[in-house]
PDB file of N, CA and C in Angstrom:
ATOM      1  N   MET A   1      -4.801  -4.039  16.603  1.00  0.00           N
ATOM      2  CA  MET A   1      -3.651  -3.471  15.945  1.00  0.00           C
ATOM      3  C   MET A   1      -2.407  -4.099  16.560  1.00  0.00           C
ATOM      4  N   GLN A   2      -1.419  -4.423  15.721  1.00  0.00           N
ATOM      5  CA  GLN A   2      -0.180  -4.979  16.204  1.00  0.00           C
ATOM      6  C   GLN A   2       0.591  -3.918  16.979  1.00  0.00           C
ATOM      7  N   ALA A   3       1.477  -4.371  17.870  1.00  0.00           N
ATOM      8  CA  ALA A   3       2.295  -3.438  18.624  1.00  0.00           C
ATOM      9  C   ALA A   3       3.121  -2.587  17.663  1.00  0.00           C
ATOM     10  N   ASN A   4       3.182  -1.286  17.929  1.00  0.00           N
ATOM     11  CA  ASN A   4       3.948  -0.337  17.108  1.00  0.00           C
ATOM     12  C   ASN A   4       3.441  -0.220  15.672  1.00  0.00           C
ATOM     13  N   ALA A   5       2.217  -0.614  15.404  1.00  0.00           N
ATOM     14  CA  ALA A   5       1.666  -0.519  14.045  1.00  0.00           C
ATOM     15  C   ALA A   5       1.364   0.946  13.722  1.00  0.00           C
ATOM     16  N   PHE A   6       1.452   1.275  12.443  1.00  0.00           N
ATOM     17  CA  PHE A   6       1.157   2.617  11.947  1.00  0.00           C
ATOM     18  C   PHE A   6      -0.308   2.943  12.211  1.00  0.00           C
ATOM     19  N   ASP A   7      -0.572   4.104  12.801  1.00  0.00           N
ATOM     20  CA  ASP A   7      -1.934   4.525  13.126  1.00  0.00           C
ATOM     21  C   ASP A   7      -2.597   5.136  11.894  1.00  0.00           C
ATOM     22  N   MET A   8      -3.599   4.452  11.359  1.00  0.00           N
ATOM     23  CA  MET A   8      -4.295   4.905  10.149  1.00  0.00           C
ATOM     24  C   MET A   8      -5.470   5.834  10.458  1.00  0.00           C
ATOM     25  N   SER A   9      -5.744   6.108  11.736  1.00  0.00           N
ATOM     26  CA  SER A   9      -6.932   6.885  12.084  1.00  0.00           C
ATOM     27  C   SER A   9      -6.876   8.334  11.602  1.00  0.00           C
ATOM     28  N   ASN A  10      -5.678   8.902  11.419  1.00  0.00           N
ATOM     29  CA  ASN A  10      -5.592  10.297  10.980  1.00  0.00           C
ATOM     30  C   ASN A  10      -5.272  10.429   9.498  1.00  0.00           C
ATOM     31  N   VAL A  11      -5.403   9.330   8.752  1.00  0.00           N
ATOM     32  CA  VAL A  11      -5.125   9.328   7.311  1.00  0.00           C
ATOM     33  C   VAL A  11      -6.425   9.004   6.563  1.00  0.00           C
ATOM     34  N   ALA A  12      -6.735   9.771   5.537  1.00  0.00           N
ATOM     35  CA  ALA A  12      -7.930   9.502   4.735  1.00  0.00           C
ATOM     36  C   ALA A  12      -7.777   8.151   4.037  1.00  0.00           C
ATOM     37  N   ASN A  13      -8.822   7.342   4.056  1.00  0.00           N
ATOM     38  CA  ASN A  13      -8.760   6.036   3.396  1.00  0.00           C
ATOM     39  C   ASN A  13      -9.117   6.203   1.928  1.00  0.00           C
ATOM     40  N   ILE A  14      -8.099   6.240   1.101  1.00  0.00           N
ATOM     41  CA  ILE A  14      -8.255   6.446  -0.335  1.00  0.00           C
ATOM     42  C   ILE A  14      -8.750   5.165  -0.981  1.00  0.00           C
ATOM     43  N   HIS A  15      -9.719   5.295  -1.876  1.00  0.00           N
ATOM     44  CA  HIS A  15     -10.257   4.163  -2.630  1.00  0.00           C
ATOM     45  C   HIS A  15      -9.763   4.241  -4.064  1.00  0.00           C
ATOM     46  N   HIS A  16      -9.308   3.114  -4.583  1.00  0.00           N
ATOM     47  CA  HIS A  16      -8.838   3.077  -5.968  1.00  0.00           C
ATOM     48  C   HIS A  16     -10.037   3.232  -6.899  1.00  0.00           C
ATOM     49  N   PRO A  17      -9.930   4.060  -7.945  1.00  0.00           N
ATOM     50  CA  PRO A  17     -11.080   4.295  -8.819  1.00  0.00           C
ATOM     51  C   PRO A  17     -11.407   3.127  -9.759  1.00  0.00           C
ATOM     52  N   PHE A  18     -10.460   2.236 -10.011  1.00  0.00           N
ATOM     53  CA  PHE A  18     -10.677   1.160 -10.973  1.00  0.00           C
ATOM     54  C   PHE A  18     -10.525  -0.239 -10.380  1.00  0.00           C
ATOM     55  N   ALA A  19     -10.328  -0.327  -9.085  1.00  0.00           N
ATOM     56  CA  ALA A  19     -10.177  -1.617  -8.416  1.00  0.00           C
ATOM     57  C   ALA A  19     -10.824  -1.525  -7.043  1.00  0.00           C
ATOM     58  N   ASP A  20     -11.270  -2.642  -6.530  1.00  0.00           N
ATOM     59  CA  ASP A  20     -11.854  -2.688  -5.190  1.00  0.00           C
ATOM     60  C   ASP A  20     -10.707  -2.772  -4.188  1.00  0.00           C
ATOM     61  N   TYR A  21     -10.017  -1.630  -3.989  1.00  0.00           N
ATOM     62  CA  TYR A  21      -8.819  -1.613  -3.164  1.00  0.00           C
ATOM     63  C   TYR A  21      -8.685  -0.255  -2.492  1.00  0.00           C
ATOM     64  N   THR A  22      -8.263  -0.267  -1.226  1.00  0.00           N
ATOM     65  CA  THR A  22      -8.154   0.958  -0.453  1.00  0.00           C
ATOM     66  C   THR A  22      -6.753   1.111   0.128  1.00  0.00           C
ATOM     67  N   LEU A  23      -6.501   2.278   0.677  1.00  0.00           N
ATOM     68  CA  LEU A  23      -5.238   2.536   1.353  1.00  0.00           C
ATOM     69  C   LEU A  23      -5.066   1.587   2.538  1.00  0.00           C
ATOM     70  N   ALA A  24      -6.138   1.342   3.268  1.00  0.00           N
ATOM     71  CA  ALA A  24      -6.063   0.407   4.400  1.00  0.00           C
ATOM     72  C   ALA A  24      -5.666  -0.986   3.922  1.00  0.00           C
ATOM     73  N   ASP A  25      -6.164  -1.400   2.759  1.00  0.00           N
ATOM     74  CA  ASP A  25      -5.784  -2.699   2.189  1.00  0.00           C
ATOM     75  C   ASP A  25      -4.291  -2.738   1.878  1.00  0.00           C
ATOM     76  N   ALA A  26      -3.760  -1.649   1.347  1.00  0.00           N
ATOM     77  CA  ALA A  26      -2.344  -1.589   0.978  1.00  0.00           C
ATOM     78  C   ALA A  26      -1.449  -1.678   2.217  1.00  0.00           C
ATOM     79  N   VAL A  27      -1.822  -0.980   3.270  1.00  0.00           N
ATOM     80  CA  VAL A  27      -1.043  -1.033   4.510  1.00  0.00           C
ATOM     81  C   VAL A  27      -1.135  -2.432   5.114  1.00  0.00           C
ATOM     82  N   LYS A  28      -2.309  -3.034   5.047  1.00  0.00           N
ATOM     83  CA  LYS A  28      -2.476  -4.400   5.558  1.00  0.00           C
ATOM     84  C   LYS A  28      -1.610  -5.381   4.756  1.00  0.00           C
ATOM     85  N   LEU A  29      -1.553  -5.207   3.439  1.00  0.00           N
ATOM     86  CA  LEU A  29      -0.712  -6.048   2.589  1.00  0.00           C
ATOM     87  C   LEU A  29       0.745  -5.946   3.027  1.00  0.00           C
ATOM     88  N   ALA A  30       1.230  -4.728   3.235  1.00  0.00           N
ATOM     89  CA  ALA A  30       2.613  -4.520   3.673  1.00  0.00           C
ATOM     90  C   ALA A  30       2.851  -5.154   5.038  1.00  0.00           C
ATOM     91  N   ASN A  31       1.922  -4.959   5.958  1.00  0.00           N
ATOM     92  CA  ASN A  31       2.075  -5.538   7.296  1.00  0.00           C
ATOM     93  C   ASN A  31       2.030  -7.062   7.269  1.00  0.00           C
ATOM     94  N   ASN A  32       1.194  -7.628   6.431  1.00  0.00           N
ATOM     95  CA  ASN A  32       1.140  -9.085   6.321  1.00  0.00           C
ATOM     96  C   ASN A  32       2.468  -9.633   5.812  1.00  0.00           C
ATOM     97  N   ASN A  33       3.074  -8.941   4.837  1.00  0.00           N
ATOM     98  CA  ASN A  33       4.379  -9.359   4.340  1.00  0.00           C
ATOM     99  C   ASN A  33       5.427  -9.249   5.428  1.00  0.00           C
ATOM    100  N   ARG A  34       5.406  -8.147   6.166  1.00  0.00           N
ATOM    101  CA  ARG A  34       6.366  -7.970   7.262  1.00  0.00           C
ATOM    102  C   ARG A  34       6.178  -9.063   8.305  1.00  0.00           C
ATOM    103  N   ASN A  35       4.930  -9.395   8.617  1.00  0.00           N
ATOM    104  CA  ASN A  35       4.640 -10.427   9.607  1.00  0.00           C
ATOM    105  C   ASN A  35       5.174 -11.787   9.146  1.00  0.00           C
ATOM    106  N   LEU A  36       4.983 -12.117   7.869  1.00  0.00           N
ATOM    107  CA  LEU A  36       5.492 -13.382   7.330  1.00  0.00           C
ATOM    108  C   LEU A  36       7.011 -13.479   7.431  1.00  0.00           C
ATOM    109  N   ASN A  37       7.666 -12.334   7.366  1.00  0.00           N
ATOM    110  CA  ASN A  37       9.131 -12.296   7.444  1.00  0.00           C
ATOM    111  C   ASN A  37       9.632 -12.018   8.869  1.00  0.00           C
ATOM    112  N   LEU A  38       8.716 -12.137   9.834  1.00  0.00           N
ATOM    113  CA  LEU A  38       9.034 -11.947  11.257  1.00  0.00           C
ATOM    114  C   LEU A  38       9.637 -10.569  11.545  1.00  0.00           C
ATOM    115  N   LEU A  39       9.113  -9.567  10.854  1.00  0.00           N
ATOM    116  CA  LEU A  39       9.547  -8.189  11.043  1.00  0.00           C
ATOM    117  C   LEU A  39       8.411  -7.391  11.665  1.00  0.00           C
ATOM    118  N   PRO A  40       8.718  -6.275  12.320  1.00  0.00           N
ATOM    119  CA  PRO A  40       7.659  -5.452  12.914  1.00  0.00           C
ATOM    120  C   PRO A  40       6.818  -4.789  11.828  1.00  0.00           C
ATOM    121  N   PRO A  41       5.608  -4.357  12.169  1.00  0.00           N
ATOM    122  CA  PRO A  41       4.744  -3.689  11.192  1.00  0.00           C
ATOM    123  C   PRO A  41       5.362  -2.386  10.700  1.00  0.00           C
ATOM    124  N   VAL A  42       4.879  -1.920   9.570  1.00  0.00           N
ATOM    125  CA  VAL A  42       5.379  -0.668   9.004  1.00  0.00           C
ATOM    126  C   VAL A  42       5.035   0.493   9.923  1.00  0.00           C
ATOM    127  N   GLY A  43       5.863   1.524   9.878  1.00  0.00           N
ATOM    128  CA  GLY A  43       5.652   2.677  10.743  1.00  0.00           C
ATOM    129  C   GLY A  43       5.157   3.910  10.020  1.00  0.00           C
ATOM    130  N   SER A  44       5.067   3.823   8.683  1.00  0.00           N
ATOM    131  CA  SER A  44       4.617   4.989   7.910  1.00  0.00           C
ATOM    132  C   SER A  44       4.115   4.521   6.544  1.00  0.00           C
ATOM    133  N   LEU A  45       3.452   5.426   5.846  1.00  0.00           N
ATOM    134  CA  LEU A  45       3.007   5.116   4.496  1.00  0.00           C
ATOM    135  C   LEU A  45       4.192   4.905   3.566  1.00  0.00           C
ATOM    136  N   SER A  46       5.241   5.672   3.754  1.00  0.00           N
ATOM    137  CA  SER A  46       6.434   5.521   2.919  1.00  0.00           C
ATOM    138  C   SER A  46       7.071   4.149   3.121  1.00  0.00           C
ATOM    139  N   GLU A  47       7.099   3.692   4.344  1.00  0.00           N
ATOM    140  CA  GLU A  47       7.647   2.365   4.624  1.00  0.00           C
ATOM    141  C   GLU A  47       6.755   1.282   4.019  1.00  0.00           C
ATOM    142  N   ALA A  48       5.446   1.461   4.095  1.00  0.00           N
ATOM    143  CA  ALA A  48       4.526   0.503   3.474  1.00  0.00           C
ATOM    144  C   ALA A  48       4.756   0.462   1.971  1.00  0.00           C
ATOM    145  N   ARG A  49       4.988   1.630   1.350  1.00  0.00           N
ATOM    146  CA  ARG A  49       5.250   1.679  -0.083  1.00  0.00           C
ATOM    147  C   ARG A  49       6.532   0.935  -0.431  1.00  0.00           C
ATOM    148  N   GLU A  50       7.575   1.100   0.376  1.00  0.00           N
ATOM    149  CA  GLU A  50       8.838   0.390   0.148  1.00  0.00           C
ATOM    150  C   GLU A  50       8.638  -1.124   0.187  1.00  0.00           C
ATOM    151  N   VAL A  51       7.852  -1.586   1.150  1.00  0.00           N
ATOM    152  CA  VAL A  51       7.585  -3.026   1.282  1.00  0.00           C
ATOM    153  C   VAL A  51       6.831  -3.532   0.059  1.00  0.00           C
ATOM    154  N   VAL A  52       5.779  -2.825  -0.337  1.00  0.00           N
ATOM    155  CA  VAL A  52       4.981  -3.253  -1.488  1.00  0.00           C
ATOM    156  C   VAL A  52       5.813  -3.182  -2.773  1.00  0.00           C
ATOM    157  N   GLN A  53       6.620  -2.135  -2.933  1.00  0.00           N
ATOM    158  CA  GLN A  53       7.465  -2.033  -4.125  1.00  0.00           C
ATOM    159  C   GLN A  53       8.435  -3.213  -4.196  1.00  0.00           C
ATOM    160  N   ALA A  54       8.992  -3.614  -3.072  1.00  0.00           N
ATOM    161  CA  ALA A  54       9.887  -4.776  -3.046  1.00  0.00           C
ATOM    162  C   ALA A  54       9.133  -6.048  -3.434  1.00  0.00           C
ATOM    163  N   MET A  55       7.885  -6.155  -2.980  1.00  0.00           N
ATOM    164  CA  MET A  55       7.067  -7.319  -3.344  1.00  0.00           C
ATOM    165  C   MET A  55       6.798  -7.336  -4.848  1.00  0.00           C
ATOM    166  N   VAL A  56       6.478  -6.170  -5.411  1.00  0.00           N
ATOM    167  CA  VAL A  56       6.214  -6.054  -6.857  1.00  0.00           C
ATOM    168  C   VAL A  56       7.471  -6.420  -7.642  1.00  0.00           C
ATOM    169  N   ASN A  57       8.612  -5.939  -7.172  1.00  0.00           N
ATOM    170  CA  ASN A  57       9.876  -6.229  -7.858  1.00  0.00           C
ATOM    171  C   ASN A  57      10.194  -7.722  -7.870  1.00  0.00           C
ATOM    172  N   ARG A  58       9.805  -8.429  -6.822  1.00  0.00           N
ATOM    173  CA  ARG A  58      10.082  -9.866  -6.738  1.00  0.00           C
ATOM    174  C   ARG A  58       9.073 -10.710  -7.512  1.00  0.00           C
ATOM    175  N   ALA A  59       7.918 -10.159  -7.805  1.00  0.00           N
ATOM    176  CA  ALA A  59       6.899 -10.921  -8.541  1.00  0.00           C
ATOM    177  C   ALA A  59       7.387 -11.155  -9.962  1.00  0.00           C
ATOM    178  N   GLY A  60       7.196 -12.352 -10.449  1.00  0.00           N
ATOM    179  CA  GLY A  60       7.631 -12.674 -11.803  1.00  0.00           C
ATOM    180  C   GLY A  60       6.535 -12.474 -12.828  1.00  0.00           C
ATOM    181  N   PHE A  61       5.567 -11.651 -12.520  1.00  0.00           N
ATOM    182  CA  PHE A  61       4.420 -11.422 -13.394  1.00  0.00           C
ATOM    183  C   PHE A  61       3.848 -10.046 -13.089  1.00  0.00           C
ATOM    184  N   LEU A  62       2.936  -9.573 -13.913  1.00  0.00           N
ATOM    185  CA  LEU A  62       2.266  -8.303 -13.659  1.00  0.00           C
ATOM    186  C   LEU A  62       1.256  -8.526 -12.542  1.00  0.00           C
ATOM    187  N   TRP A  63       1.536  -8.009 -11.386  1.00  0.00           N
ATOM    188  CA  TRP A  63       0.741  -8.238 -10.189  1.00  0.00           C
ATOM    189  C   TRP A  63      -0.230  -7.074  -9.991  1.00  0.00           C
ATOM    190  N   ILE A  64      -1.484  -7.295 -10.363  1.00  0.00           N
ATOM    191  CA  ILE A  64      -2.503  -6.240 -10.324  1.00  0.00           C
ATOM    192  C   ILE A  64      -2.711  -5.706  -8.910  1.00  0.00           C
ATOM    193  N   THR A  65      -2.750  -6.580  -7.919  1.00  0.00           N
ATOM    194  CA  THR A  65      -2.939  -6.142  -6.537  1.00  0.00           C
ATOM    195  C   THR A  65      -1.799  -5.236  -6.099  1.00  0.00           C
ATOM    196  N   GLY A  66      -0.581  -5.591  -6.474  1.00  0.00           N
ATOM    197  CA  GLY A  66       0.568  -4.758  -6.134  1.00  0.00           C
ATOM    198  C   GLY A  66       0.495  -3.401  -6.798  1.00  0.00           C
ATOM    199  N   MET A  67       0.046  -3.369  -8.048  1.00  0.00           N
ATOM    200  CA  MET A  67      -0.083  -2.095  -8.762  1.00  0.00           C
ATOM    201  C   MET A  67      -1.150  -1.214  -8.104  1.00  0.00           C
ATOM    202  N   ALA A  68      -2.263  -1.806  -7.715  1.00  0.00           N
ATOM    203  CA  ALA A  68      -3.317  -1.045  -7.042  1.00  0.00           C
ATOM    204  C   ALA A  68      -2.823  -0.524  -5.699  1.00  0.00           C
ATOM    205  N   ALA A  69      -2.074  -1.345  -4.978  1.00  0.00           N
ATOM    206  CA  ALA A  69      -1.523  -0.925  -3.686  1.00  0.00           C
ATOM    207  C   ALA A  69      -0.566   0.258  -3.869  1.00  0.00           C
ATOM    208  N   LEU A  70       0.301   0.184  -4.865  1.00  0.00           N
ATOM    209  CA  LEU A  70       1.219   1.299  -5.124  1.00  0.00           C
ATOM    210  C   LEU A  70       0.459   2.561  -5.518  1.00  0.00           C
ATOM    211  N   ASP A  71      -0.607   2.405  -6.297  1.00  0.00           N
ATOM    212  CA  ASP A  71      -1.422   3.554  -6.693  1.00  0.00           C
ATOM    213  C   ASP A  71      -1.980   4.295  -5.481  1.00  0.00           C
ATOM    214  N   VAL A  72      -2.621   3.575  -4.565  1.00  0.00           N
ATOM    215  CA  VAL A  72      -3.241   4.244  -3.417  1.00  0.00           C
ATOM    216  C   VAL A  72      -2.187   4.778  -2.452  1.00  0.00           C
ATOM    217  N   LEU A  73      -1.079   4.064  -2.297  1.00  0.00           N
ATOM    218  CA  LEU A  73      -0.010   4.555  -1.427  1.00  0.00           C
ATOM    219  C   LEU A  73       0.615   5.823  -2.003  1.00  0.00           C
ATOM    220  N   ASP A  74       0.892   5.835  -3.306  1.00  0.00           N
ATOM    221  CA  ASP A  74       1.457   7.031  -3.937  1.00  0.00           C
ATOM    222  C   ASP A  74       0.504   8.218  -3.816  1.00  0.00           C
ATOM    223  N   ALA A  75      -0.774   7.987  -4.038  1.00  0.00           N
ATOM    224  CA  ALA A  75      -1.757   9.065  -3.940  1.00  0.00           C
ATOM    225  C   ALA A  75      -1.800   9.639  -2.524  1.00  0.00           C
ATOM    226  N   ALA A  76      -1.718   8.779  -1.520  1.00  0.00           N
ATOM    227  CA  ALA A  76      -1.747   9.245  -0.126  1.00  0.00           C
ATOM    228  C   ALA A  76      -0.462   9.983   0.240  1.00  0.00           C
ATOM    229  N   ILE A  77       0.672   9.446  -0.169  1.00  0.00           N
ATOM    230  CA  ILE A  77       1.960  10.054   0.167  1.00  0.00           C
ATOM    231  C   ILE A  77       2.126  11.401  -0.527  1.00  0.00           C
ATOM    232  N   GLU A  78       1.744  11.456  -1.800  1.00  0.00           N
ATOM    233  CA  GLU A  78       1.935  12.674  -2.592  1.00  0.00           C
ATOM    234  C   GLU A  78       0.741  13.616  -2.528  1.00  0.00           C
ATOM    235  N   ASN A  79      -0.314  13.208  -1.825  1.00  0.00           N
ATOM    236  CA  ASN A  79      -1.535  14.005  -1.691  1.00  0.00           C
ATOM    237  C   ASN A  79      -2.041  14.467  -3.056  1.00  0.00           C
ATOM    238  N   ARG A  80      -2.266  13.497  -3.942  1.00  0.00           N
ATOM    239  CA  ARG A  80      -2.706  13.824  -5.301  1.00  0.00           C
ATOM    240  C   ARG A  80      -3.953  13.023  -5.670  1.00  0.00           C
ATOM    241  N   GLU A  81      -4.603  13.469  -6.711  1.00  0.00           N
ATOM    242  CA  GLU A  81      -5.805  12.799  -7.227  1.00  0.00           C
ATOM    243  C   GLU A  81      -5.400  11.508  -7.920  1.00  0.00           C
ATOM    244  N   LEU A  82      -5.978  10.413  -7.516  1.00  0.00           N
ATOM    245  CA  LEU A  82      -5.603   9.101  -8.042  1.00  0.00           C
ATOM    246  C   LEU A  82      -6.067   8.889  -9.469  1.00  0.00           C
ATOM    247  N   LYS A  83      -7.207   9.462  -9.849  1.00  0.00           N
ATOM    248  CA  LYS A  83      -7.701   9.269 -11.212  1.00  0.00           C
ATOM    249  C   LYS A  83      -6.806   9.919 -12.254  1.00  0.00           C
ATOM    250  N   ALA A  84      -6.045  10.920 -11.866  1.00  0.00           N
ATOM    251  CA  ALA A  84      -5.188  11.646 -12.810  1.00  0.00           C
ATOM    252  C   ALA A  84      -4.073  10.771 -13.354  1.00  0.00           C
ATOM    253  N   SER A  85      -3.496   9.936 -12.515  1.00  0.00           N
ATOM    254  CA  SER A  85      -2.421   9.052 -12.965  1.00  0.00           C
ATOM    255  C   SER A  85      -2.369   7.813 -12.095  1.00  0.00           C
ATOM    256  N   CYS A  86      -2.674   6.694 -12.690  1.00  0.00           N
ATOM    257  CA  CYS A  86      -2.568   5.440 -11.961  1.00  0.00           C
ATOM    258  C   CYS A  86      -2.123   4.338 -12.902  1.00  0.00           C
ATOM    259  N   ARG A  87      -1.681   3.241 -12.349  1.00  0.00           N
ATOM    260  CA  ARG A  87      -1.097   2.140 -13.130  1.00  0.00           C
ATOM    261  C   ARG A  87      -2.159   1.257 -13.775  1.00  0.00           C
ATOM    262  N   LEU A  88      -3.396   1.339 -13.335  1.00  0.00           N
ATOM    263  CA  LEU A  88      -4.427   0.416 -13.803  1.00  0.00           C
ATOM    264  C   LEU A  88      -5.366   1.030 -14.830  1.00  0.00           C
ATOM    265  N   ILE A  89      -4.860   1.889 -15.676  1.00  0.00           N
ATOM    266  CA  ILE A  89      -5.725   2.482 -16.721  1.00  0.00           C
ATOM    267  C   ILE A  89      -5.604   1.642 -17.971  1.00  0.00           C
TER     268      ILE A  89
END
């Protein structure tokens, strides 16, 4: 784990119902982006969501991985059932 990285051990690892993607994957995606930009790792799920949302906003196409990442992050942050509402239906 990187120094000051968000501790995922006390968070349930949510699996996307329609994609092979998990909450851990979404946090890793955010941290990889932060690392590429020479920034420290994310400190919370909300911060990871902000990073991924910024990545989605900059993409010039419909980015399926970004949508799946936002789905699992939103479900974890809002403590809701992912199958009820997600971007990949």
